[in-house]
Full PDB file with SEQRES, HELIX, SHEET, SSBOND, CRYST1, ORIGX, SCALE, CONECT and MASTER records, all heavy atoms in Angstrom:
SEQRES   1 A   31  SER GLY MET PHE ASP VAL THR HIS GLY ALA GLY LEU ALA          
SEQRES   2 A   31  ALA ILE TRP PRO SER TRP ALA ARG TYR VAL MET HIS GLU          
SEQRES   3 A   31  ASN LEU SER ARG PHE                                          
HELIX    1 AA1 HIS A    8  VAL A   23  1                                  16    
HELIX    2 AA2 MET A   24  ASN A   27  5                                   4    
CRYST1    1.000    1.000    1.000  90.00  90.00  90.00 P 1           1          
ORIGX1      1.000000  0.000000  0.000000        0.00000                         
ORIGX2      0.000000  1.000000  0.000000        0.00000                         
ORIGX3      0.000000  0.000000  1.000000        0.00000                         
SCALE1      1.000000  0.000000  0.000000        0.00000                         
SCALE2      0.000000  1.000000  0.000000        0.00000                         
SCALE3      0.000000  0.000000  1.000000        0.00000                         
ATOM      1  N   SER A   1      -4.363  -9.943  -5.741  1.00  0.00           N  
ATOM      2  CA  SER A   1      -5.352 -10.231  -6.784  1.00  0.00           C  
ATOM      3  C   SER A   1      -5.263 -11.660  -7.299  1.00  0.00           C  
ATOM      4  O   SER A   1      -6.194 -12.373  -7.553  1.00  0.00           O  
ATOM      5  CB  SER A   1      -5.209  -9.264  -7.947  1.00  0.00           C  
ATOM      6  OG  SER A   1      -5.571  -7.944  -7.540  1.00  0.00           O  
ATOM      7  N   GLY A   2      -3.987 -12.080  -7.474  1.00  0.00           N  
ATOM      8  CA  GLY A   2      -3.732 -13.428  -7.999  1.00  0.00           C  
ATOM      9  C   GLY A   2      -4.171 -14.522  -7.061  1.00  0.00           C  
ATOM     10  O   GLY A   2      -4.738 -15.562  -7.462  1.00  0.00           O  
ATOM     11  N   MET A   3      -3.918 -14.300  -5.786  1.00  0.00           N  
ATOM     12  CA  MET A   3      -4.274 -15.352  -4.855  1.00  0.00           C  
ATOM     13  C   MET A   3      -5.728 -15.309  -4.415  1.00  0.00           C  
ATOM     14  O   MET A   3      -6.322 -16.416  -4.154  1.00  0.00           O  
ATOM     15  CB  MET A   3      -3.374 -15.207  -3.574  1.00  0.00           C  
ATOM     16  CG  MET A   3      -3.560 -16.295  -2.535  1.00  0.00           C  
ATOM     17  SD  MET A   3      -2.358 -16.260  -1.188  1.00  0.00           S  
ATOM     18  CE  MET A   3      -0.930 -16.987  -1.958  1.00  0.00           C  
ATOM     19  N   PHE A   4      -6.315 -14.149  -4.282  1.00  0.00           N  
ATOM     20  CA  PHE A   4      -7.715 -14.065  -3.770  1.00  0.00           C  
ATOM     21  C   PHE A   4      -8.714 -13.513  -4.696  1.00  0.00           C  
ATOM     22  O   PHE A   4      -9.913 -13.336  -4.351  1.00  0.00           O  
ATOM     23  CB  PHE A   4      -7.650 -13.173  -2.470  1.00  0.00           C  
ATOM     24  CG  PHE A   4      -6.751 -13.699  -1.410  1.00  0.00           C  
ATOM     25  CD1 PHE A   4      -5.531 -13.069  -1.138  1.00  0.00           C  
ATOM     26  CD2 PHE A   4      -7.076 -14.837  -0.714  1.00  0.00           C  
ATOM     27  CE1 PHE A   4      -4.702 -13.567  -0.170  1.00  0.00           C  
ATOM     28  CE2 PHE A   4      -6.223 -15.320   0.284  1.00  0.00           C  
ATOM     29  CZ  PHE A   4      -5.009 -14.694   0.569  1.00  0.00           C  
ATOM     30  N   ASP A   5      -8.346 -13.221  -5.946  1.00  0.00           N  
ATOM     31  CA  ASP A   5      -9.265 -12.751  -6.902  1.00  0.00           C  
ATOM     32  C   ASP A   5     -10.076 -11.547  -6.480  1.00  0.00           C  
ATOM     33  O   ASP A   5     -11.312 -11.462  -6.566  1.00  0.00           O  
ATOM     34  CB  ASP A   5     -10.251 -13.900  -7.356  1.00  0.00           C  
ATOM     35  CG  ASP A   5     -11.047 -13.579  -8.626  1.00  0.00           C  
ATOM     36  OD1 ASP A   5     -10.560 -12.853  -9.464  1.00  0.00           O  
ATOM     37  OD2 ASP A   5     -12.224 -14.062  -8.698  1.00  0.00           O  
ATOM     38  N   VAL A   6      -9.357 -10.559  -5.962  1.00  0.00           N  
ATOM     39  CA  VAL A   6      -9.971  -9.351  -5.522  1.00  0.00           C  
ATOM     40  C   VAL A   6      -9.740  -8.225  -6.584  1.00  0.00           C  
ATOM     41  O   VAL A   6      -8.832  -8.362  -7.426  1.00  0.00           O  
ATOM     42  CB  VAL A   6      -9.400  -8.850  -4.169  1.00  0.00           C  
ATOM     43  CG1 VAL A   6      -9.736  -9.839  -3.068  1.00  0.00           C  
ATOM     44  CG2 VAL A   6      -7.878  -8.650  -4.257  1.00  0.00           C  
ATOM     45  N   THR A   7     -10.509  -7.202  -6.532  1.00  0.00           N  
ATOM     46  CA  THR A   7     -10.355  -6.095  -7.541  1.00  0.00           C  
ATOM     47  C   THR A   7      -9.088  -5.335  -7.213  1.00  0.00           C  
ATOM     48  O   THR A   7      -8.627  -5.162  -6.058  1.00  0.00           O  
ATOM     49  CB  THR A   7     -11.508  -5.161  -7.527  1.00  0.00           C  
ATOM     50  OG1 THR A   7     -11.727  -4.585  -6.210  1.00  0.00           O  
ATOM     51  CG2 THR A   7     -12.809  -5.898  -7.910  1.00  0.00           C  
ATOM     52  N   HIS A   8      -8.482  -4.830  -8.270  1.00  0.00           N  
ATOM     53  CA  HIS A   8      -7.166  -4.153  -8.197  1.00  0.00           C  
ATOM     54  C   HIS A   8      -7.193  -2.891  -7.218  1.00  0.00           C  
ATOM     55  O   HIS A   8      -6.364  -2.757  -6.352  1.00  0.00           O  
ATOM     56  CB  HIS A   8      -6.791  -3.726  -9.595  1.00  0.00           C  
ATOM     57  CG  HIS A   8      -5.418  -3.078  -9.702  1.00  0.00           C  
ATOM     58  ND1 HIS A   8      -4.228  -3.653  -9.178  1.00  0.00           N  
ATOM     59  CD2 HIS A   8      -5.068  -1.932 -10.290  1.00  0.00           C  
ATOM     60  CE1 HIS A   8      -3.210  -2.818  -9.455  1.00  0.00           C  
ATOM     61  NE2 HIS A   8      -3.690  -1.807 -10.110  1.00  0.00           N  
ATOM     62  N   GLY A   9      -8.213  -2.087  -7.430  1.00  0.00           N  
ATOM     63  CA  GLY A   9      -8.278  -0.859  -6.591  1.00  0.00           C  
ATOM     64  C   GLY A   9      -8.468  -1.137  -5.119  1.00  0.00           C  
ATOM     65  O   GLY A   9      -7.845  -0.557  -4.243  1.00  0.00           O  
ATOM     66  N   ALA A  10      -9.281  -2.153  -4.835  1.00  0.00           N  
ATOM     67  CA  ALA A  10      -9.552  -2.501  -3.437  1.00  0.00           C  
ATOM     68  C   ALA A  10      -8.253  -3.092  -2.823  1.00  0.00           C  
ATOM     69  O   ALA A  10      -7.861  -2.843  -1.696  1.00  0.00           O  
ATOM     70  CB  ALA A  10     -10.681  -3.452  -3.286  1.00  0.00           C  
ATOM     71  N   GLY A  11      -7.562  -3.901  -3.601  1.00  0.00           N  
ATOM     72  CA  GLY A  11      -6.281  -4.473  -3.136  1.00  0.00           C  
ATOM     73  C   GLY A  11      -5.269  -3.399  -2.856  1.00  0.00           C  
ATOM     74  O   GLY A  11      -4.512  -3.462  -1.886  1.00  0.00           O  
ATOM     75  N   LEU A  12      -5.123  -2.399  -3.739  1.00  0.00           N  
ATOM     76  CA  LEU A  12      -4.253  -1.293  -3.522  1.00  0.00           C  
ATOM     77  C   LEU A  12      -4.565  -0.541  -2.210  1.00  0.00           C  
ATOM     78  O   LEU A  12      -3.649  -0.188  -1.431  1.00  0.00           O  
ATOM     79  CB  LEU A  12      -4.265  -0.299  -4.711  1.00  0.00           C  
ATOM     80  CG  LEU A  12      -3.673  -0.852  -6.017  1.00  0.00           C  
ATOM     81  CD1 LEU A  12      -4.005   0.071  -7.134  1.00  0.00           C  
ATOM     82  CD2 LEU A  12      -2.193  -0.996  -5.873  1.00  0.00           C  
ATOM     83  N   ALA A  13      -5.864  -0.292  -1.985  1.00  0.00           N  
ATOM     84  CA  ALA A  13      -6.252   0.379  -0.722  1.00  0.00           C  
ATOM     85  C   ALA A  13      -5.905  -0.450   0.461  1.00  0.00           C  
ATOM     86  O   ALA A  13      -5.535   0.128   1.515  1.00  0.00           O  
ATOM     87  CB  ALA A  13      -7.750   0.634  -0.791  1.00  0.00           C  
ATOM     88  N   ALA A  14      -5.919  -1.761   0.424  1.00  0.00           N  
ATOM     89  CA  ALA A  14      -5.624  -2.621   1.493  1.00  0.00           C  
ATOM     90  C   ALA A  14      -4.120  -2.673   1.817  1.00  0.00           C  
ATOM     91  O   ALA A  14      -3.741  -2.868   2.942  1.00  0.00           O  
ATOM     92  CB  ALA A  14      -6.158  -4.035   1.263  1.00  0.00           C  
ATOM     93  N   ILE A  15      -3.304  -2.464   0.807  1.00  0.00           N  
ATOM     94  CA  ILE A  15      -1.849  -2.561   0.970  1.00  0.00           C  
ATOM     95  C   ILE A  15      -1.212  -1.218   1.224  1.00  0.00           C  
ATOM     96  O   ILE A  15      -0.237  -1.131   2.016  1.00  0.00           O  
ATOM     97  CB  ILE A  15      -1.213  -3.164  -0.281  1.00  0.00           C  
ATOM     98  CG1 ILE A  15      -1.459  -4.690  -0.349  1.00  0.00           C  
ATOM     99  CG2 ILE A  15       0.269  -2.939  -0.376  1.00  0.00           C  
ATOM    100  CD1 ILE A  15      -0.771  -5.450   0.707  1.00  0.00           C  
ATOM    101  N   TRP A  16      -1.691  -0.144   0.628  1.00  0.00           N  
ATOM    102  CA  TRP A  16      -0.945   1.152   0.671  1.00  0.00           C  
ATOM    103  C   TRP A  16      -0.699   1.643   2.109  1.00  0.00           C  
ATOM    104  O   TRP A  16       0.465   2.078   2.354  1.00  0.00           O  
ATOM    105  CB  TRP A  16      -1.703   2.259  -0.129  1.00  0.00           C  
ATOM    106  CG  TRP A  16      -0.902   3.475  -0.156  1.00  0.00           C  
ATOM    107  CD1 TRP A  16       0.129   3.800  -0.961  1.00  0.00           C  
ATOM    108  CD2 TRP A  16      -1.008   4.570   0.772  1.00  0.00           C  
ATOM    109  NE1 TRP A  16       0.647   4.994  -0.619  1.00  0.00           N  
ATOM    110  CE2 TRP A  16      -0.021   5.522   0.440  1.00  0.00           C  
ATOM    111  CE3 TRP A  16      -1.836   4.889   1.868  1.00  0.00           C  
ATOM    112  CZ2 TRP A  16       0.149   6.731   1.131  1.00  0.00           C  
ATOM    113  CZ3 TRP A  16      -1.656   6.058   2.536  1.00  0.00           C  
ATOM    114  CH2 TRP A  16      -0.708   6.982   2.210  1.00  0.00           C  
ATOM    115  N   PRO A  17      -1.615   1.647   3.011  1.00  0.00           N  
ATOM    116  CA  PRO A  17      -1.312   2.178   4.366  1.00  0.00           C  
ATOM    117  C   PRO A  17      -0.134   1.478   5.028  1.00  0.00           C  
ATOM    118  O   PRO A  17       0.705   2.135   5.658  1.00  0.00           O  
ATOM    119  CB  PRO A  17      -2.605   2.015   5.139  1.00  0.00           C  
ATOM    120  CG  PRO A  17      -3.661   1.969   4.102  1.00  0.00           C  
ATOM    121  CD  PRO A  17      -3.024   1.250   2.949  1.00  0.00           C  
ATOM    122  N   SER A  18      -0.043   0.199   4.900  1.00  0.00           N  
ATOM    123  CA  SER A  18       1.081  -0.543   5.546  1.00  0.00           C  
ATOM    124  C   SER A  18       2.337  -0.251   4.799  1.00  0.00           C  
ATOM    125  O   SER A  18       3.442  -0.079   5.448  1.00  0.00           O  
ATOM    126  CB  SER A  18       0.737  -2.043   5.523  1.00  0.00           C  
ATOM    127  OG  SER A  18      -0.312  -2.312   6.340  1.00  0.00           O  
ATOM    128  N   TRP A  19       2.318  -0.223   3.457  1.00  0.00           N  
ATOM    129  CA  TRP A  19       3.535   0.163   2.673  1.00  0.00           C  
ATOM    130  C   TRP A  19       4.006   1.542   3.152  1.00  0.00           C  
ATOM    131  O   TRP A  19       5.207   1.798   3.373  1.00  0.00           O  
ATOM    132  CB  TRP A  19       3.251   0.145   1.172  1.00  0.00           C  
ATOM    133  CG  TRP A  19       4.328   0.734   0.399  1.00  0.00           C  
ATOM    134  CD1 TRP A  19       5.441   0.124  -0.090  1.00  0.00           C  
ATOM    135  CD2 TRP A  19       4.472   2.114  -0.054  1.00  0.00           C  
ATOM    136  NE1 TRP A  19       6.235   1.036  -0.765  1.00  0.00           N  
ATOM    137  CE2 TRP A  19       5.629   2.217  -0.765  1.00  0.00           C  
ATOM    138  CE3 TRP A  19       3.621   3.249   0.118  1.00  0.00           C  
ATOM    139  CZ2 TRP A  19       6.117   3.474  -1.337  1.00  0.00           C  
ATOM    140  CZ3 TRP A  19       4.086   4.449  -0.386  1.00  0.00           C  
ATOM    141  CH2 TRP A  19       5.269   4.556  -1.075  1.00  0.00           C  
ATOM    142  N   ALA A  20       3.082   2.454   3.256  1.00  0.00           N  
ATOM    143  CA  ALA A  20       3.419   3.877   3.609  1.00  0.00           C  
ATOM    144  C   ALA A  20       4.082   3.920   4.984  1.00  0.00           C  
ATOM    145  O   ALA A  20       5.093   4.607   5.140  1.00  0.00           O  
ATOM    146  CB  ALA A  20       2.157   4.723   3.580  1.00  0.00           C  
ATOM    147  N   ARG A  21       3.542   3.216   5.947  1.00  0.00           N  
ATOM    148  CA  ARG A  21       4.159   3.226   7.271  1.00  0.00           C  
ATOM    149  C   ARG A  21       5.551   2.576   7.265  1.00  0.00           C  
ATOM    150  O   ARG A  21       6.441   3.028   7.970  1.00  0.00           O  
ATOM    151  CB  ARG A  21       3.256   2.485   8.271  1.00  0.00           C  
ATOM    152  CG  ARG A  21       1.986   3.226   8.655  1.00  0.00           C  
ATOM    153  CD  ARG A  21       1.158   2.480   9.658  1.00  0.00           C  
ATOM    154  NE  ARG A  21       0.029   3.263  10.116  1.00  0.00           N  
ATOM    155  CZ  ARG A  21      -1.197   3.219   9.593  1.00  0.00           C  
ATOM    156  NH1 ARG A  21      -1.506   2.348   8.624  1.00  0.00           N  
ATOM    157  NH2 ARG A  21      -2.159   4.020  10.040  1.00  0.00           N  
ATOM    158  N   TYR A  22       5.718   1.589   6.379  1.00  0.00           N  
ATOM    159  CA  TYR A  22       6.965   0.863   6.360  1.00  0.00           C  
ATOM    160  C   TYR A  22       8.077   1.720   5.734  1.00  0.00           C  
ATOM    161  O   TYR A  22       9.281   1.606   6.107  1.00  0.00           O  
ATOM    162  CB  TYR A  22       6.778  -0.431   5.556  1.00  0.00           C  
ATOM    163  CG  TYR A  22       7.923  -1.443   5.647  1.00  0.00           C  
ATOM    164  CD1 TYR A  22       8.036  -2.216   6.811  1.00  0.00           C  
ATOM    165  CD2 TYR A  22       8.817  -1.567   4.638  1.00  0.00           C  
ATOM    166  CE1 TYR A  22       9.100  -3.147   6.864  1.00  0.00           C  
ATOM    167  CE2 TYR A  22       9.907  -2.475   4.726  1.00  0.00           C  
ATOM    168  CZ  TYR A  22      10.012  -3.232   5.829  1.00  0.00           C  
ATOM    169  OH  TYR A  22      11.007  -4.157   5.947  1.00  0.00           O  
ATOM    170  N   VAL A  23       7.725   2.548   4.767  1.00  0.00           N  
ATOM    171  CA  VAL A  23       8.738   3.279   3.978  1.00  0.00           C  
ATOM    172  C   VAL A  23       8.826   4.728   4.255  1.00  0.00           C  
ATOM    173  O   VAL A  23       9.726   5.447   3.686  1.00  0.00           O  
ATOM    174  CB  VAL A  23       8.527   3.056   2.428  1.00  0.00           C  
ATOM    175  CG1 VAL A  23       8.460   1.576   2.082  1.00  0.00           C  
ATOM    176  CG2 VAL A  23       7.306   3.807   1.933  1.00  0.00           C  
ATOM    177  N   MET A  24       7.939   5.284   5.065  1.00  0.00           N  
ATOM    178  CA  MET A  24       7.839   6.789   5.139  1.00  0.00           C  
ATOM    179  C   MET A  24       9.117   7.469   5.542  1.00  0.00           C  
ATOM    180  O   MET A  24       9.346   8.602   5.202  1.00  0.00           O  
ATOM    181  CB  MET A  24       6.688   7.151   6.032  1.00  0.00           C  
ATOM    182  CG  MET A  24       6.886   6.932   7.519  1.00  0.00           C  
ATOM    183  SD  MET A  24       5.418   7.550   8.416  1.00  0.00           S  
ATOM    184  CE  MET A  24       6.025   7.389  10.057  1.00  0.00           C  
ATOM    185  N   HIS A  25       9.960   6.780   6.279  1.00  0.00           N  
ATOM    186  CA  HIS A  25      11.186   7.437   6.719  1.00  0.00           C  
ATOM    187  C   HIS A  25      12.208   7.640   5.604  1.00  0.00           C  
ATOM    188  O   HIS A  25      13.209   8.301   5.754  1.00  0.00           O  
ATOM    189  CB  HIS A  25      11.841   6.713   7.913  1.00  0.00           C  
ATOM    190  CG  HIS A  25      11.015   6.929   9.158  1.00  0.00           C  
ATOM    191  ND1 HIS A  25      10.130   6.029   9.602  1.00  0.00           N  
ATOM    192  CD2 HIS A  25      10.923   7.986  10.054  1.00  0.00           C  
ATOM    193  CE1 HIS A  25       9.537   6.465  10.749  1.00  0.00           C  
ATOM    194  NE2 HIS A  25      10.027   7.673  10.960  1.00  0.00           N  
ATOM    195  N   GLU A  26      11.979   6.931   4.451  1.00  0.00           N  
ATOM    196  CA  GLU A  26      12.864   7.115   3.329  1.00  0.00           C  
ATOM    197  C   GLU A  26      12.769   8.527   2.753  1.00  0.00           C  
ATOM    198  O   GLU A  26      13.731   8.995   2.073  1.00  0.00           O  
ATOM    199  CB  GLU A  26      12.575   6.077   2.231  1.00  0.00           C  
ATOM    200  CG  GLU A  26      12.704   4.656   2.694  1.00  0.00           C  
ATOM    201  CD  GLU A  26      14.104   4.297   3.078  1.00  0.00           C  
ATOM    202  OE1 GLU A  26      15.066   4.708   2.375  1.00  0.00           O  
ATOM    203  OE2 GLU A  26      14.259   3.580   4.107  1.00  0.00           O  
ATOM    204  N   ASN A  27      11.618   9.153   2.900  1.00  0.00           N  
ATOM    205  CA  ASN A  27      11.462  10.608   2.495  1.00  0.00           C  
ATOM    206  C   ASN A  27      10.326  11.147   3.324  1.00  0.00           C  
ATOM    207  O   ASN A  27       9.192  11.381   2.840  1.00  0.00           O  
ATOM    208  CB  ASN A  27      11.172  10.742   1.004  1.00  0.00           C  
ATOM    209  CG  ASN A  27      11.224  12.195   0.562  1.00  0.00           C  
ATOM    210  OD1 ASN A  27      11.190  13.116   1.358  1.00  0.00           O  
ATOM    211  ND2 ASN A  27      11.232  12.448  -0.752  1.00  0.00           N  
ATOM    212  N   LEU A  28      10.624  11.316   4.658  1.00  0.00           N  
ATOM    213  CA  LEU A  28       9.608  11.782   5.555  1.00  0.00           C  
ATOM    214  C   LEU A  28       8.936  13.099   5.140  1.00  0.00           C  
ATOM    215  O   LEU A  28       7.760  13.299   5.262  1.00  0.00           O  
ATOM    216  CB  LEU A  28      10.178  11.913   6.939  1.00  0.00           C  
ATOM    217  CG  LEU A  28       9.198  12.151   8.096  1.00  0.00           C  
ATOM    218  CD1 LEU A  28       8.157  11.096   8.197  1.00  0.00           C  
ATOM    219  CD2 LEU A  28       9.971  12.332   9.375  1.00  0.00           C  
ATOM    220  N   SER A  29       9.751  14.017   4.595  1.00  0.00           N  
ATOM    221  CA  SER A  29       9.227  15.323   4.118  1.00  0.00           C  
ATOM    222  C   SER A  29       8.158  15.170   3.101  1.00  0.00           C  
ATOM    223  O   SER A  29       7.200  15.977   3.010  1.00  0.00           O  
ATOM    224  CB  SER A  29      10.301  16.219   3.706  1.00  0.00           C  
ATOM    225  OG  SER A  29      10.952  15.758   2.594  1.00  0.00           O  
ATOM    226  N   ARG A  30       8.279  14.153   2.269  1.00  0.00           N  
ATOM    227  CA  ARG A  30       7.256  13.957   1.191  1.00  0.00           C  
ATOM    228  C   ARG A  30       5.958  13.455   1.840  1.00  0.00           C  
ATOM    229  O   ARG A  30       4.896  13.867   1.354  1.00  0.00           O  
ATOM    230  CB  ARG A  30       7.797  12.906   0.192  1.00  0.00           C  
ATOM    231  CG  ARG A  30       6.848  12.554  -0.928  1.00  0.00           C  
ATOM    232  CD  ARG A  30       6.327  13.757  -1.765  1.00  0.00           C  
ATOM    233  NE  ARG A  30       7.425  14.581  -2.287  1.00  0.00           N  
ATOM    234  CZ  ARG A  30       7.549  14.820  -3.613  1.00  0.00           C  
ATOM    235  NH1 ARG A  30       6.815  14.222  -4.463  1.00  0.00           N  
ATOM    236  NH2 ARG A  30       8.548  15.672  -3.981  1.00  0.00           N  
ATOM    237  N   PHE A  31       6.042  12.589   2.849  1.00  0.00           N  
ATOM    238  CA  PHE A  31       4.838  12.146   3.494  1.00  0.00           C  
ATOM    239  C   PHE A  31       4.159  13.283   4.309  1.00  0.00           C  
ATOM    240  O   PHE A  31       2.933  13.305   4.432  1.00  0.00           O  
ATOM    241  CB  PHE A  31       5.117  10.980   4.370  1.00  0.00           C  
ATOM    242  CG  PHE A  31       5.224   9.624   3.577  1.00  0.00           C  
ATOM    243  CD1 PHE A  31       6.429   9.243   3.052  1.00  0.00           C  
ATOM    244  CD2 PHE A  31       4.108   8.868   3.383  1.00  0.00           C  
ATOM    245  CE1 PHE A  31       6.480   8.058   2.346  1.00  0.00           C  
ATOM    246  CE2 PHE A  31       4.164   7.726   2.689  1.00  0.00           C  
ATOM    247  CZ  PHE A  31       5.374   7.285   2.074  1.00  0.00           C  
TER     248      PHE A  31                                                      
MASTER        0    0    0    2    0    0    0    6  247    1    0    3          
END                                                                             
């Protein structure tokens, strides 16, 4: 948001899938 002046919700949607793939093995059963 700070760099590209995008809306918060859209930015979260753009980041979450990659974050999820990166961390999912920390608690695979939760995913």
